[in-house]
């Protein structure tokens, strides 16, 4: 086994290096640390539990690498255990940074660490660092030594039972816990470290405006900058530490998210999101939907399209959904996006089950052109009546509430588009005077300074089952007959028919209502419209009481 070798400095100098992680990082590892990184390393040497909630690109992972190498060097029986919610974060992010730090130290000639393996650096039988994922809390048992450092990166996503296992390790020996993350979830053990159990933790908050690159550019000044500044504008030239969050990124996110967005609060201010009680989908549910899942075979896909107006301000967005995964998301600010949409959908064309298009406004004219290209389209008018008139004000509320339930149940994956997350987290709901669920309108969102949720709308449409009830009946009836035939061949009792006569009648009646237009509601005032007689010459509904076409 390759042993750690360190040139012999004087005893007093060596003692100082081993006692002070900041001095060790600077002298031995050649690290140029900024204020918060120095404070975090100092706290690890002095406090048993340290929690850091941080903005995006704050340098916290680099601090993890420095802390791990210092701990191994300072303690002959030192053990470091690093973890994160996913194996990819452990292997590529944390251990990628540790490996880079080891390489830099070797090049400096101060310390000759052995080369780490994929997620392990071993100096001796009881002197090593190891990376674990959090899918099995039992892996965190048995790390008993004189000196143990446990690092939890992306800590809001680490499961509660892992924290419980860590408390078992803390029962004996000199044990330090370093918990870091972007504060996306207002609940759980990481949140408690800053609230109910704060007295037992040394806590830090890293706000983007406190980082070196944002020096001299407070939020008040940032708000005064006009939209659309070029990347080479002099405002963004000051960047003494390019590896940290930049002025340009913060400027872009102010315009994309707004300073009331939960994403702005967590990723820029380093604060737990203060979502309103009437938020439709909590940010924590959206964050949990980031990772995709593997689905065998080539499942059928459903597409949602929100078509932008012709002024070029909003986006036309296409969301592709397969077996719970958001497999693709495309967005364009074009007057005529048909060519781009077709190019985007071609790889999925043979697997498309249905394309749900919002036909309010310009979407009405978009559908026949898309159908001419061979796509099976459903016209979706979210202002029409719902299938559940005793629960929802209109179809929009029904479809968005279904989306909310899917996120709540962890049934949606692959949501990794930041703007889509921001839009979904910004949508609010209420119960109207009749006690029906109603989703905030785009006009109401605009009054709050929130832009059009085009990406959220496309995702909602991608997860909407708009197959008319009578068609769904025929399809399910055929599938049921296939299951019956298979059971008979195998000598098993046939399955029960999932449809009954009452459901078939309701499916027929629902299709009739959709065709006749009866029960449609005005998206502006909520009054019930009559029938297709309210259609004007361009095929759009017109409601005289509101003097508004839709």
Protein backbone atom coordinates (compact mmCIF):
# COMPACT_ATOMS: atom_id res chain seq x y z
CA UNK A 1 0.00 0.00 0.00
CA UNK A 2 1.29 3.44 -0.92
CA UNK A 3 1.83 5.54 2.18
CA UNK A 4 1.29 9.26 2.50
CA UNK A 5 4.59 11.10 2.52
CA UNK A 6 5.09 14.66 3.72
CA UNK A 7 8.39 16.57 3.71
CA UNK A 8 9.47 17.07 7.30
CA UNK A 9 8.91 20.68 8.40
CA UNK A 10 9.75 21.84 11.92
CA UNK A 11 7.67 20.34 14.68
CA UNK A 12 5.94 23.65 15.45
CA UNK A 13 5.19 24.33 11.78
CA UNK A 14 3.86 20.80 11.25
CA UNK A 15 1.63 21.13 14.30
CA UNK A 16 0.16 24.37 12.99
CA UNK A 17 -0.56 22.81 9.60
CA UNK A 18 -2.34 19.87 11.17
CA UNK A 19 -4.35 21.99 13.60
CA UNK A 20 -5.45 24.61 11.08
CA UNK A 21 -7.28 23.34 7.97
CA UNK A 22 -7.14 26.80 6.34
CA UNK A 23 -3.35 26.95 6.71
CA UNK A 24 -3.09 23.35 5.47
CA UNK A 25 -5.22 24.16 2.42
CA UNK A 26 -3.14 27.21 1.55
CA UNK A 27 0.39 25.89 2.24
CA UNK A 28 0.06 22.20 1.38
CA UNK A 29 -2.70 22.15 -1.24
CA UNK A 30 -2.12 25.58 -2.75
CA UNK A 31 -5.76 26.61 -2.29
CA UNK A 32 -6.79 30.23 -2.76
CA UNK A 33 -9.87 30.40 -0.56
CA UNK A 34 -12.46 33.11 -0.25
CA UNK A 35 -14.01 34.21 3.05
CA UNK A 36 -16.86 31.67 3.38
CA UNK A 37 -14.64 28.74 2.44
CA UNK A 38 -12.14 29.75 5.12
CA UNK A 39 -14.90 30.06 7.71
CA UNK A 40 -16.33 26.62 6.86
CA UNK A 41 -12.95 24.89 7.17
CA UNK A 42 -12.25 26.63 10.48
CA UNK A 43 -15.65 25.57 11.82
CA UNK A 44 -15.00 21.90 10.98
CA UNK A 45 -11.94 21.96 13.26
CA UNK A 46 -13.89 23.51 16.14
CA UNK A 47 -17.49 22.29 15.98
CA UNK A 48 -19.00 18.80 15.95
CA UNK A 49 -21.77 19.69 13.47
CA UNK A 50 -21.55 22.27 10.68
CA UNK A 51 -24.40 23.08 8.25
CA UNK A 52 -24.03 25.25 5.13
CA UNK A 53 -26.92 26.40 2.95
CA UNK A 54 -25.57 27.97 -0.18
CA UNK A 55 -26.40 29.58 -3.49
CA UNK A 56 -25.45 28.07 -6.83
CA UNK A 57 -21.68 27.75 -7.56
CA UNK A 58 -20.47 28.91 -4.18
CA UNK A 59 -17.37 26.68 -4.04
CA UNK A 60 -18.79 24.38 -1.36
CA UNK A 61 -17.75 21.15 -3.12
CA UNK A 62 -14.16 22.39 -3.31
CA UNK A 63 -14.34 23.02 0.43
CA UNK A 64 -15.43 19.40 0.89
CA UNK A 65 -12.34 18.14 -0.94
CA UNK A 66 -10.00 20.31 1.13
CA UNK A 67 -11.67 19.28 4.39
CA UNK A 68 -11.39 15.57 3.50
CA UNK A 69 -7.68 15.73 2.67
CA UNK A 70 -6.90 17.79 5.78
CA UNK A 71 -8.79 15.36 8.02
CA UNK A 72 -6.94 12.33 6.63
CA UNK A 73 -3.57 14.04 7.05
CA UNK A 74 -4.23 15.52 10.50
CA UNK A 75 -5.40 12.24 12.09
CA UNK A 76 -3.59 8.91 11.77
CA UNK A 77 -6.90 7.18 12.49
CA UNK A 78 -8.93 9.61 10.43
CA UNK A 79 -11.87 8.32 8.39
CA UNK A 80 -13.88 10.45 5.95
CA UNK A 81 -17.29 9.31 4.68
CA UNK A 82 -18.81 11.37 1.85
CA UNK A 83 -22.33 10.99 0.55
CA UNK A 84 -25.02 12.62 -1.60
CA UNK A 85 -28.54 11.67 -2.73
CA UNK A 86 -27.33 10.02 -5.96
CA UNK A 87 -24.30 7.97 -6.92
CA UNK A 88 -23.57 10.34 -9.80
CA UNK A 89 -23.20 13.22 -7.35
CA UNK A 90 -20.86 11.17 -5.17
CA UNK A 91 -18.67 9.82 -7.96
CA UNK A 92 -18.51 12.71 -10.42
CA UNK A 93 -19.00 15.79 -8.26
CA UNK A 94 -17.52 15.15 -4.80
CA UNK A 95 -14.84 12.67 -5.80
CA UNK A 96 -14.05 14.51 -8.99
CA UNK A 97 -13.11 17.49 -6.79
CA UNK A 98 -11.12 15.31 -4.37
CA UNK A 99 -9.13 13.78 -7.22
CA UNK A 100 -8.35 17.23 -8.63
CA UNK A 101 -7.16 18.43 -5.22
CA UNK A 102 -4.90 15.37 -4.86
CA UNK A 103 -3.38 16.01 -8.29
CA UNK A 104 -2.70 19.65 -7.48
CA UNK A 105 -1.01 18.72 -4.20
CA UNK A 106 1.26 16.21 -5.97
CA UNK A 107 2.25 18.81 -8.55
CA UNK A 108 3.14 21.24 -5.76
CA UNK A 109 5.41 18.60 -4.22
CA UNK A 110 4.18 19.28 -0.70
CA UNK A 111 2.26 16.06 -0.13
CA UNK A 112 2.39 12.81 -2.04
CA UNK A 113 -1.05 11.29 -1.66
CA UNK A 114 -1.69 7.88 -3.22
CA UNK A 115 -3.93 8.06 -6.28
CA UNK A 116 -7.62 7.65 -5.32
CA UNK A 117 -9.74 4.91 -6.85
CA UNK A 118 -13.26 5.66 -8.10
CA UNK A 119 -14.52 6.76 -4.66
CA UNK A 120 -11.81 5.76 -2.18
CA UNK A 121 -8.53 7.16 -0.92
CA UNK A 122 -6.71 4.87 1.51
CA UNK A 123 -3.65 5.84 3.55
CA UNK A 124 -3.82 3.00 6.06
CA UNK A 125 -6.15 0.32 7.50
CA UNK A 126 -7.95 2.89 9.68
CA UNK A 127 -7.02 5.98 7.70
CA UNK A 128 -9.13 6.41 4.55
CA UNK A 129 -11.87 8.35 2.73
CA UNK A 130 -14.78 6.64 1.02
CA UNK A 131 -17.83 7.72 -0.98
CA UNK A 132 -21.28 6.19 -0.47
CA UNK A 133 -24.70 6.87 -1.97
CA UNK A 134 -27.70 7.15 0.33
CA UNK A 135 -29.95 4.41 -1.04
CA UNK A 136 -29.14 2.13 1.91
CA UNK A 137 -28.73 3.65 5.38
CA UNK A 138 -27.13 0.43 6.73
CA UNK A 139 -23.95 1.35 4.82
CA UNK A 140 -23.37 4.13 7.33
CA UNK A 141 -23.06 1.75 10.25
CA UNK A 142 -19.72 0.48 11.54
CA UNK A 143 -17.54 3.55 10.90
CA UNK A 144 -16.07 3.66 14.38
CA UNK A 145 -12.66 5.23 14.81
CA UNK A 146 -10.90 7.82 16.88
CA UNK A 147 -11.64 10.55 14.33
CA UNK A 148 -14.47 10.45 11.78
CA UNK A 149 -15.60 13.20 9.38
CA UNK A 150 -18.96 12.66 7.67
CA UNK A 151 -19.81 14.91 4.72
CA UNK A 152 -23.33 15.17 3.30
CA UNK A 153 -23.46 17.08 0.01
CA UNK A 154 -26.81 18.17 -1.45
CA UNK A 155 -28.03 17.50 2.07
CA UNK A 156 -31.74 18.39 1.57
CA UNK A 157 -32.05 15.25 -0.57
CA UNK A 158 -30.36 12.92 1.94
CA UNK A 159 -32.88 10.58 3.54
CA UNK A 160 -33.80 11.01 7.22
CA UNK A 161 -32.69 7.47 8.14
CA UNK A 162 -29.15 8.33 7.00
CA UNK A 163 -29.08 11.17 9.51
CA UNK A 164 -30.28 8.69 12.16
CA UNK A 165 -27.49 6.26 11.25
CA UNK A 166 -24.96 9.11 11.50
CA UNK A 167 -26.17 9.91 15.02
CA UNK A 168 -25.22 6.33 15.92
CA UNK A 169 -21.68 6.97 14.69
CA UNK A 170 -21.50 10.18 16.73
CA UNK A 171 -22.06 8.23 19.95
CA UNK A 172 -18.31 7.57 20.33
CA UNK A 173 -14.99 9.10 19.28
CA UNK A 174 -14.25 12.48 17.76
CA UNK A 175 -16.88 12.78 15.06
CA UNK A 176 -17.54 15.78 12.86
CA UNK A 177 -20.53 16.22 10.52
CA UNK A 178 -20.46 18.64 7.59
CA UNK A 179 -23.85 19.07 5.92
CA UNK A 180 -24.06 21.27 2.81
CA UNK A 181 -26.67 21.98 0.19
CA UNK A 182 -28.86 24.27 -1.81
CA UNK A 183 -31.87 24.98 0.47
CA UNK A 184 -34.67 23.70 -1.73
CA UNK A 185 -36.81 21.87 0.86
CA UNK A 186 -38.39 23.65 3.83
CA UNK A 187 -38.49 20.53 5.95
CA UNK A 188 -36.41 17.54 7.01
CA UNK A 189 -33.16 17.21 9.00
CA UNK A 190 -31.21 19.78 6.96
CA UNK A 191 -33.94 22.38 7.44
CA UNK A 192 -34.04 21.57 11.16
CA UNK A 193 -30.33 22.38 11.46
CA UNK A 194 -31.23 26.01 10.69
CA UNK A 195 -34.46 26.09 12.71
CA UNK A 196 -35.51 23.76 15.54
CA UNK A 197 -32.05 22.24 16.25
CA UNK A 198 -29.99 25.30 15.32
CA UNK A 199 -28.41 25.57 18.78
CA UNK A 200 -26.53 22.30 18.22
CA UNK A 201 -25.15 23.25 14.79
CA UNK A 202 -22.69 25.85 13.55
CA UNK A 203 -24.55 27.27 10.57
CA UNK A 204 -23.58 29.32 7.51
CA UNK A 205 -25.58 30.90 4.69
CA UNK A 206 -23.86 31.76 1.40
CA UNK A 207 -25.79 34.42 -0.52
CA UNK A 208 -24.70 35.04 -4.12
CA UNK A 209 -24.49 38.76 -3.37
CA UNK A 210 -21.87 38.03 -0.68
CA UNK A 211 -19.58 36.15 -3.08
CA UNK A 212 -16.49 37.85 -4.62
CA UNK A 213 -17.85 38.22 -8.16
CA UNK A 214 -20.98 40.09 -7.00
CA UNK A 215 -19.02 42.61 -4.92
CA UNK A 216 -20.28 46.11 -5.73
CA UNK A 217 -23.46 44.88 -7.44
CA UNK A 218 -26.24 44.67 -4.81
CA UNK A 219 -29.75 43.52 -5.69
CA UNK A 220 -31.06 47.09 -5.76
CA UNK A 221 -28.54 48.00 -8.46
CA UNK A 222 -29.15 44.78 -10.35
CA UNK A 223 -32.89 45.54 -10.54
CA UNK A 224 -32.12 48.83 -12.28
CA UNK A 225 -30.29 47.16 -15.19
CA UNK A 226 -32.32 46.90 -18.42
CA UNK A 227 -33.32 43.57 -19.87
CA UNK A 228 -31.27 42.07 -22.69
CA UNK A 229 -27.76 43.28 -21.85
CA UNK A 230 -25.12 41.58 -24.01
CA UNK A 231 -22.69 39.16 -22.43
CA UNK A 232 -19.76 41.52 -23.03
CA UNK A 233 -21.44 44.42 -21.21
CA UNK A 234 -19.05 46.10 -18.78
CA UNK A 235 -21.36 45.22 -15.88
CA UNK A 236 -20.30 41.59 -16.17
CA UNK A 237 -16.58 42.19 -16.69
CA UNK A 238 -15.70 42.00 -12.98
CA UNK A 239 -15.08 38.29 -12.34
CA UNK A 240 -12.04 37.71 -10.09
CA UNK A 241 -13.08 34.11 -9.41
CA UNK A 242 -14.65 32.67 -12.60
CA UNK A 243 -15.37 29.33 -10.91
CA UNK A 244 -17.87 30.99 -8.54
CA UNK A 245 -21.35 32.32 -9.33
CA UNK A 246 -21.07 35.17 -11.84
CA UNK A 247 -22.80 38.50 -12.25
CA UNK A 248 -24.13 37.44 -15.64
CA UNK A 249 -25.81 34.31 -14.24
CA UNK A 250 -27.51 36.21 -11.41
CA UNK A 251 -28.68 38.89 -13.85
CA UNK A 252 -30.19 36.25 -16.17
CA UNK A 253 -31.98 34.48 -13.32
CA UNK A 254 -33.48 37.73 -12.06
CA UNK A 255 -35.21 38.14 -15.44
CA UNK A 256 -36.05 34.45 -15.86
CA UNK A 257 -37.31 33.68 -12.35
CA UNK A 258 -38.06 37.03 -10.68
CA UNK A 259 -36.90 37.83 -7.17
CA UNK A 260 -40.03 36.30 -5.59
CA UNK A 261 -39.50 32.89 -7.17
CA UNK A 262 -38.68 29.96 -4.86
CA UNK A 263 -35.77 29.15 -7.18
CA UNK A 264 -34.37 32.66 -6.75
CA UNK A 265 -34.65 32.35 -2.99
CA UNK A 266 -32.83 29.03 -2.83
CA UNK A 267 -30.33 29.18 -5.70
CA UNK A 268 -29.39 32.86 -5.51
CA UNK A 269 -30.07 33.96 -1.93
CA UNK A 270 -29.21 30.64 -0.30
CA UNK A 271 -32.47 30.77 1.67
CA UNK A 272 -35.19 28.20 2.16
CA UNK A 273 -38.06 29.01 -0.24
CA UNK A 274 -40.97 30.86 1.28
CA UNK A 275 -43.63 29.45 -1.02
CA UNK A 276 -47.13 30.74 -0.53
CA UNK A 277 -49.65 28.40 1.02
CA UNK A 278 -51.64 28.56 -2.21
CA UNK A 279 -48.74 27.33 -4.40
CA UNK A 280 -49.97 24.52 -6.60
CA UNK A 281 -46.80 22.39 -6.55
CA UNK A 282 -44.16 22.76 -3.80
CA UNK A 283 -40.58 23.22 -4.95
CA UNK A 284 -39.53 20.15 -2.97
CA UNK A 285 -41.75 17.93 -5.18
CA UNK A 286 -40.31 19.50 -8.32
CA UNK A 287 -36.72 19.04 -7.15
CA UNK A 288 -37.44 15.39 -6.38
CA UNK A 289 -38.53 14.90 -10.02
CA UNK A 290 -35.17 15.89 -11.54
CA UNK A 291 -33.64 12.44 -12.15
CA UNK A 292 -34.87 10.31 -15.04
CA UNK A 293 -35.70 6.63 -14.68
CA UNK A 294 -34.86 3.85 -17.10
CA UNK A 295 -37.85 2.42 -18.94
CA UNK A 296 -37.32 -0.80 -20.92
CA UNK A 297 -38.33 -1.00 -24.56
CA UNK A 298 -39.73 1.89 -26.55
CA UNK A 299 -42.84 3.11 -24.72
CA UNK A 300 -45.50 5.20 -26.39
CA UNK A 301 -45.19 8.94 -25.88
CA UNK A 302 -47.63 11.79 -25.26
CA UNK A 303 -46.81 15.32 -26.40
CA UNK A 304 -47.98 18.63 -24.99
CA UNK A 305 -47.69 21.85 -27.03
CA UNK A 306 -48.31 25.39 -25.83
CA UNK A 307 -48.30 27.68 -28.89
CA UNK A 308 -47.07 31.25 -28.41
CA UNK A 309 -48.64 34.33 -29.96
CA UNK A 310 -47.26 35.95 -33.08
CA UNK A 311 -45.61 38.88 -31.28
CA UNK A 312 -42.55 36.78 -30.47
CA UNK A 313 -42.58 37.59 -26.76
CA UNK A 314 -43.59 34.22 -25.32
CA UNK A 315 -42.31 30.76 -26.18
CA UNK A 316 -43.86 27.92 -28.13
CA UNK A 317 -43.01 24.91 -25.99
CA UNK A 318 -43.12 21.17 -26.74
CA UNK A 319 -42.93 18.62 -23.93
CA UNK A 320 -42.52 14.91 -24.68
CA UNK A 321 -43.62 12.42 -22.01
CA UNK A 322 -43.04 8.66 -21.93
CA UNK A 323 -43.82 6.34 -19.01
CA UNK A 324 -43.57 9.11 -16.42
CA UNK A 325 -40.37 10.62 -17.87
CA UNK A 326 -40.12 14.06 -19.43
CA UNK A 327 -37.84 12.82 -22.19
CA UNK A 328 -37.54 16.09 -24.11
CA UNK A 329 -38.46 19.76 -23.79
CA UNK A 330 -38.08 22.25 -26.63
CA UNK A 331 -38.86 25.97 -26.69
CA UNK A 332 -38.70 28.64 -29.43
CA UNK A 333 -39.63 32.32 -29.64
CA UNK A 334 -40.62 32.34 -33.32
CA UNK A 335 -43.53 33.77 -35.29
CA UNK A 336 -44.05 30.41 -37.01
CA UNK A 337 -42.52 27.51 -35.05
CA UNK A 338 -44.06 24.69 -37.12
CA UNK A 339 -40.80 23.65 -38.80
CA UNK A 340 -38.91 23.58 -35.50
CA UNK A 341 -41.69 21.64 -33.80
CA UNK A 342 -41.74 19.06 -36.61
CA UNK A 343 -37.95 18.63 -36.50
CA UNK A 344 -38.08 18.25 -32.72
CA UNK A 345 -40.82 15.59 -32.82
CA UNK A 346 -39.52 13.50 -35.75
CA UNK A 347 -37.40 11.14 -33.57
CA UNK A 348 -40.55 10.24 -31.60
CA UNK A 349 -43.12 10.29 -34.42
CA UNK A 350 -43.67 6.52 -34.72
CA UNK A 351 -44.24 6.25 -30.94
CA UNK A 352 -46.58 9.21 -30.46
CA UNK A 353 -49.92 8.25 -28.93
CA UNK A 354 -51.39 11.74 -28.98
CA UNK A 355 -50.39 15.40 -29.27
CA UNK A 356 -52.33 17.70 -26.94
CA UNK A 357 -52.33 21.28 -28.24
CA UNK A 358 -53.68 24.30 -26.39
CA UNK A 359 -56.07 25.78 -28.97
CA UNK A 360 -56.89 29.04 -27.19
CA UNK A 361 -55.61 31.80 -29.46
CA UNK A 362 -53.14 30.91 -32.22
CA UNK A 363 -53.07 27.24 -31.24
CA UNK A 364 -56.41 26.78 -33.04
CA UNK A 365 -54.78 27.41 -36.41
CA UNK A 366 -51.67 25.42 -35.50
CA UNK A 367 -53.49 22.09 -35.10
CA UNK A 368 -54.60 21.46 -38.74
CA UNK A 369 -51.09 22.28 -40.00
CA UNK A 370 -49.58 19.83 -37.54
CA UNK A 371 -52.15 17.17 -38.42
CA UNK A 372 -51.25 17.62 -42.09
CA UNK A 373 -47.75 16.44 -41.14
CA UNK A 374 -49.18 13.19 -39.78
CA UNK A 375 -49.44 13.91 -36.04
CA UNK A 376 -52.48 12.68 -34.06
CA UNK A 377 -53.64 15.93 -32.42
CA UNK A 378 -56.17 16.67 -29.70
CA UNK A 379 -57.52 20.20 -29.47
CA UNK A 380 -57.45 21.17 -25.79
CA UNK A 381 -59.35 24.26 -24.65
CA UNK A 382 -58.58 24.57 -20.96
CA UNK A 383 -61.46 27.04 -20.50
CA UNK A 384 -64.09 24.38 -21.25
CA UNK A 385 -66.10 22.41 -18.74
CA UNK A 386 -64.46 19.76 -16.60
CA UNK A 387 -65.42 16.12 -16.29
CA UNK A 388 -65.75 16.76 -12.55
CA UNK A 389 -67.95 19.87 -12.23
CA UNK A 390 -68.34 19.39 -8.49
CA UNK A 391 -64.55 19.71 -7.96
CA UNK A 392 -63.03 22.01 -10.59
CA UNK A 393 -63.94 25.35 -12.11
CA UNK A 394 -62.83 24.30 -15.58
CA UNK A 395 -60.65 21.86 -17.49
CA UNK A 396 -57.48 23.84 -16.71
CA UNK A 397 -57.98 23.27 -13.00
CA UNK A 398 -58.65 19.57 -13.56
CA UNK A 399 -55.50 19.02 -15.63
CA UNK A 400 -53.22 21.05 -13.38
CA UNK A 401 -54.54 19.28 -10.28
CA UNK A 402 -53.82 15.94 -11.89
CA UNK A 403 -50.27 17.16 -12.56
CA UNK A 404 -49.97 18.21 -8.91
CA UNK A 405 -51.01 14.72 -7.76
CA UNK A 406 -48.47 13.08 -10.07
CA UNK A 407 -45.66 15.21 -8.60
CA UNK A 408 -46.89 14.53 -5.07
CA UNK A 409 -46.81 10.77 -5.71
CA UNK A 410 -43.33 10.88 -7.27
CA UNK A 411 -44.72 9.73 -10.62
CA UNK A 412 -42.92 12.33 -12.76
CA UNK A 413 -39.20 12.16 -13.58
CA UNK A 414 -36.68 13.94 -15.78
CA UNK A 415 -37.71 17.50 -14.87
CA UNK A 416 -34.31 19.19 -15.18
CA UNK A 417 -35.24 22.44 -16.94
CA UNK A 418 -34.72 25.31 -14.48
CA UNK A 419 -37.21 27.67 -16.12
CA UNK A 420 -39.88 24.99 -16.20
CA UNK A 421 -39.30 24.30 -12.49
CA UNK A 422 -39.56 28.01 -11.73
CA UNK A 423 -42.81 28.36 -13.67
CA UNK A 424 -44.40 25.30 -12.07
CA UNK A 425 -43.39 26.50 -8.59
CA UNK A 426 -44.94 29.92 -9.26
CA UNK A 427 -48.47 28.72 -10.13
CA UNK A 428 -51.11 29.34 -7.49
CA UNK A 429 -54.61 27.99 -6.91
CA UNK A 430 -57.69 28.89 -4.88
CA UNK A 431 -61.22 27.77 -4.15
CA UNK A 432 -63.76 30.05 -5.82
CA UNK A 433 -67.06 31.20 -4.30
CA UNK A 434 -68.64 27.87 -5.24
CA UNK A 435 -65.85 25.94 -3.54
CA UNK A 436 -64.36 24.75 -6.84
CA UNK A 437 -60.61 24.53 -7.46
CA UNK A 438 -59.45 27.30 -9.75
CA UNK A 439 -55.97 27.96 -11.17
CA UNK A 440 -54.54 31.47 -11.25
CA UNK A 441 -54.92 33.09 -14.68
CA UNK A 442 -52.01 34.42 -16.74
CA UNK A 443 -53.31 37.96 -16.19
CA UNK A 444 -53.21 37.43 -12.42
CA UNK A 445 -49.69 36.03 -12.66
CA UNK A 446 -48.61 39.05 -14.71
CA UNK A 447 -49.84 41.37 -11.95
CA UNK A 448 -47.48 39.56 -9.57
CA UNK A 449 -44.63 40.12 -12.02
CA UNK A 450 -44.60 36.46 -13.15
CA UNK A 451 -44.25 35.77 -16.87
CA UNK A 452 -46.36 33.46 -18.99
CA UNK A 453 -45.86 29.85 -17.77
CA UNK A 454 -45.42 28.42 -21.27
CA UNK A 455 -43.18 25.53 -20.22
CA UNK A 456 -45.44 24.61 -17.32
CA UNK A 457 -48.46 24.57 -19.67
CA UNK A 458 -46.72 22.24 -22.14
CA UNK A 459 -45.77 19.82 -19.37
CA UNK A 460 -49.32 19.89 -18.02
CA UNK A 461 -50.63 19.05 -21.51
CA UNK A 462 -48.06 16.26 -21.96
CA UNK A 463 -49.44 14.49 -18.87
CA UNK A 464 -53.10 15.11 -19.77
CA UNK A 465 -55.07 12.13 -21.02
CA UNK A 466 -57.35 13.74 -23.59
CA UNK A 467 -58.41 10.60 -25.43
CA UNK A 468 -62.22 10.96 -25.72
CA UNK A 469 -64.02 8.62 -23.35
CA UNK A 470 -65.66 6.58 -26.09
CA UNK A 471 -62.27 5.95 -27.75
CA UNK A 472 -60.74 5.02 -24.41
CA UNK A 473 -63.62 2.61 -23.90
CA UNK A 474 -63.03 0.87 -27.24
CA UNK A 475 -59.29 0.66 -26.63
CA UNK A 476 -59.64 -0.70 -23.10
CA UNK A 477 -62.36 -3.09 -24.25
CA UNK A 478 -59.97 -4.53 -26.85
CA UNK A 479 -57.17 -4.85 -24.29
CA UNK A 480 -59.58 -6.57 -21.89
CA UNK A 481 -60.65 -9.07 -24.58
CA UNK A 482 -56.99 -9.88 -25.26
CA UNK A 483 -56.47 -10.52 -21.54
CA UNK A 484 -59.58 -12.75 -21.46
CA UNK A 485 -58.37 -14.80 -24.47
CA UNK A 486 -54.92 -15.23 -22.88
CA UNK A 487 -56.43 -16.36 -19.57
CA UNK A 488 -58.63 -18.93 -21.31
CA UNK A 489 -55.66 -20.33 -23.24
CA UNK A 490 -53.71 -20.68 -19.98
CA UNK A 491 -56.63 -22.24 -18.11
CA UNK A 492 -56.97 -19.28 -15.73
CA UNK A 493 -60.15 -17.43 -14.71
CA UNK A 494 -60.75 -14.42 -16.99
CA UNK A 495 -60.33 -10.91 -15.51
CA UNK A 496 -63.36 -8.76 -14.77
CA UNK A 497 -64.46 -6.15 -17.29
CA UNK A 498 -63.13 -2.77 -16.01
CA UNK A 499 -66.00 -0.83 -17.64
CA UNK A 500 -69.70 -0.95 -16.68
CA UNK A 501 -72.78 0.38 -18.43
CA UNK A 502 -72.96 3.59 -16.37
CA UNK A 503 -69.36 4.48 -17.22
CA UNK A 504 -69.99 3.84 -20.90
CA UNK A 505 -73.03 6.14 -20.80
CA UNK A 506 -71.04 8.90 -19.08
CA UNK A 507 -68.20 8.52 -21.62
CA UNK A 508 -70.71 8.94 -24.46
CA UNK A 509 -72.35 11.94 -22.80
CA UNK A 510 -68.98 13.60 -22.20
CA UNK A 511 -68.05 13.31 -25.87
CA UNK A 512 -71.45 14.76 -26.80
CA UNK A 513 -70.89 17.72 -24.49
CA UNK A 514 -67.46 18.33 -25.99
CA UNK A 515 -68.83 18.23 -29.54
CA UNK A 516 -71.81 20.48 -28.81
CA UNK A 517 -69.81 22.89 -26.68
CA UNK A 518 -72.44 22.83 -23.92
CA UNK A 519 -71.15 23.55 -20.45
CA UNK A 520 -68.10 25.47 -21.66
CA UNK A 521 -67.13 28.29 -19.34
CA UNK A 522 -65.70 31.70 -20.13
CA UNK A 523 -62.07 31.76 -18.90
CA UNK A 524 -62.48 35.45 -17.98
CA UNK A 525 -65.71 35.54 -15.96
CA UNK A 526 -66.52 31.85 -15.44
CA UNK A 527 -70.09 32.09 -16.83
CA UNK A 528 -71.43 29.08 -18.72
CA UNK A 529 -71.53 29.50 -22.49
CA UNK A 530 -74.17 28.02 -24.73
CA UNK A 531 -73.10 25.91 -27.71
CA UNK A 532 -71.27 26.12 -30.98
CA UNK A 533 -73.53 29.10 -31.80
CA UNK A 534 -71.09 31.23 -29.81
CA UNK A 535 -68.42 30.52 -32.43
CA UNK A 536 -67.53 33.43 -34.68
CA UNK A 537 -66.15 33.37 -38.22
CA UNK A 538 -62.55 32.53 -37.33
CA UNK A 539 -63.57 29.50 -35.27
CA UNK A 540 -62.98 31.09 -31.88
CA UNK A 541 -65.54 31.35 -29.07
CA UNK A 542 -66.92 34.83 -28.44
CA UNK A 543 -68.62 35.85 -25.20
CA UNK A 544 -70.60 39.11 -25.57
CA UNK A 545 -70.77 39.76 -21.80
CA UNK A 546 -66.96 39.92 -21.68
CA UNK A 547 -66.52 41.26 -25.22
CA UNK A 548 -63.70 38.79 -25.52
CA UNK A 549 -62.78 36.12 -27.98
CA UNK A 550 -60.94 33.02 -26.83
